[in-house]
Amino acid sequence: MVTSVHDLVCIHIENKPAFFARIEDIVPDVKRGWWKVSLLVLTSPLQIFTWILEDSQINGAPFTMGGTPIMLEKVVSPLEQEDTGLSSSQEKDTVPVTDKKETAKVVSLVDRKKEK
């Protein structure tokens, strides 16, 4: 799974989920094949980390930083998984196709506010 700018990632430290971050920017480093990855760390207060990583590391390959095992895991919203009808263990060509159309109910926020 390719990870890119604005994706949410879970940072694993020592093989355990440690914190979440959003990728803010990915720009080439002076060293060929490496990238400066700016991460908005979702803590309080917010922090910005800039790590220099290879493509494979941005996309989930484990690496070490000062001897500490680290891994970025792209986070996919459960809503996106429902939309595609896929779970991590399913393949695209195994998803059943249906022609069933359901009508959606539109809820007016203006009318809802008046009721209160």
Protein backbone atom coordinates (compact mmCIF):
# COMPACT_ATOMS: atom_id res chain seq x y z
CA MET A 1 0.00 0.00 0.00
CA VAL A 2 1.52 3.32 -1.06
CA THR A 3 1.70 6.03 1.59
CA SER A 4 1.62 9.67 0.49
CA VAL A 5 1.11 13.25 1.68
CA HIS A 6 -1.92 13.73 3.98
CA ASP A 7 -2.13 10.02 4.85
CA LEU A 8 -2.56 9.05 8.47
CA VAL A 9 0.06 6.65 9.80
CA CYS A 10 0.55 4.71 13.00
CA ILE A 11 4.16 4.81 14.17
CA HIS A 12 5.34 1.55 15.74
CA ILE A 13 8.31 1.74 18.11
CA GLU A 14 9.89 -1.50 19.29
CA ASN A 15 7.15 -3.43 17.43
CA LYS A 16 4.32 -1.74 19.37
CA PRO A 17 1.94 1.03 18.20
CA ALA A 18 3.24 4.25 19.78
CA PHE A 19 1.46 7.25 18.21
CA PHE A 20 -0.39 8.52 15.15
CA ALA A 21 0.85 11.14 12.70
CA ARG A 22 -0.23 12.73 9.44
CA ILE A 23 2.30 12.99 6.63
CA GLU A 24 2.53 16.72 5.90
CA ASP A 25 5.19 16.74 3.20
CA ILE A 26 7.59 14.47 1.34
CA VAL A 27 10.50 16.18 -0.42
CA PRO A 28 13.71 14.77 -1.90
CA ASP A 29 16.75 14.65 0.36
CA VAL A 30 20.23 15.53 -0.91
CA LYS A 31 21.04 11.81 -0.82
CA ARG A 32 19.59 10.10 -3.92
CA GLY A 33 16.69 7.71 -3.15
CA TRP A 34 15.97 9.25 0.25
CA TRP A 35 13.15 11.60 1.25
CA LYS A 36 12.56 14.19 3.98
CA VAL A 37 9.21 13.21 5.47
CA SER A 38 7.47 15.80 7.65
CA LEU A 39 5.08 14.24 10.15
CA LEU A 40 2.44 16.10 12.15
CA VAL A 41 2.48 14.06 15.35
CA LEU A 42 -1.04 13.90 16.78
CA THR A 43 -0.20 14.50 20.41
CA SER A 44 -0.99 17.36 22.74
CA PRO A 45 0.72 19.66 22.03
CA LEU A 46 1.09 18.93 18.32
CA GLN A 47 4.65 18.33 17.14
CA ILE A 48 6.37 18.20 13.77
CA PHE A 49 8.99 15.51 13.16
CA THR A 50 11.10 15.38 10.01
CA TRP A 51 12.62 11.99 9.27
CA ILE A 52 14.83 11.07 6.33
CA LEU A 53 13.49 7.79 4.91
CA GLU A 54 13.64 5.58 1.84
CA ASP A 55 10.52 4.79 -0.25
CA SER A 56 10.22 1.33 1.30
CA GLN A 57 10.34 2.76 4.82
CA ILE A 58 7.63 5.33 4.01
CA ASN A 59 5.50 2.44 2.74
CA GLY A 60 5.85 0.28 5.83
CA ALA A 61 9.22 -1.47 5.75
CA PRO A 62 10.73 -1.68 9.24
CA PHE A 63 13.90 0.30 9.99
CA THR A 64 15.92 1.34 13.02
CA MET A 65 16.67 4.75 14.43
CA GLY A 66 19.55 4.74 16.89
CA GLY A 67 19.13 0.98 17.20
CA THR A 68 15.38 1.26 18.01
CA PRO A 69 13.05 -0.66 15.65
CA ILE A 70 10.53 1.68 13.95
CA MET A 71 7.81 1.15 11.35
CA LEU A 72 5.20 3.38 9.69
CA GLU A 73 1.82 1.73 9.07
CA LYS A 74 -0.71 3.49 6.85
CA VAL A 75 -4.07 3.83 8.60
CA VAL A 76 -7.14 3.20 6.47
CA SER A 77 -10.49 4.40 7.79
CA PRO A 78 -13.03 1.63 8.47
CA LEU A 79 -15.45 3.68 6.34
CA GLU A 80 -13.09 3.43 3.36
CA GLN A 81 -12.80 -0.30 3.91
CA GLU A 82 -16.61 -0.61 3.93
CA ASP A 83 -16.87 1.47 0.74
CA THR A 84 -14.55 -0.85 -1.11
CA GLY A 85 -16.04 -3.92 0.54
CA LEU A 86 -12.53 -5.18 1.30
CA SER A 87 -10.84 -6.28 4.45
CA SER A 88 -7.10 -6.75 4.65
CA SER A 89 -7.51 -10.47 3.96
CA GLN A 90 -9.79 -10.18 0.89
CA GLU A 91 -8.85 -9.77 -2.75
CA LYS A 92 -10.62 -7.35 -5.11
CA ASP A 93 -11.90 -10.05 -7.46
CA THR A 94 -13.68 -11.88 -4.60
CA VAL A 95 -16.05 -8.99 -3.79
CA PRO A 96 -19.62 -9.80 -4.85
CA VAL A 97 -21.24 -7.31 -7.21
CA THR A 98 -24.80 -6.25 -6.46
CA ASP A 99 -27.20 -4.06 -8.39
CA LYS A 100 -29.27 -3.23 -5.32
CA LYS A 101 -29.77 0.52 -4.90
CA GLU A 102 -30.89 1.98 -1.59
CA THR A 103 -32.31 5.44 -1.20
CA ALA A 104 -30.55 7.73 1.22
CA LYS A 105 -32.35 9.94 3.70
CA VAL A 106 -31.26 13.59 3.71
CA VAL A 107 -31.28 15.20 7.13
CA SER A 108 -31.46 18.99 7.21
CA LEU A 109 -29.20 20.42 9.90
CA VAL A 110 -31.18 23.67 9.83
CA ASP A 111 -34.45 21.85 10.58
CA ARG A 112 -32.74 19.75 13.24
CA LYS A 113 -31.47 22.89 15.00
CA LYS A 114 -35.00 24.40 15.02
CA GLU A 115 -36.39 21.33 16.83
CA LYS A 116 -34.19 21.90 19.89
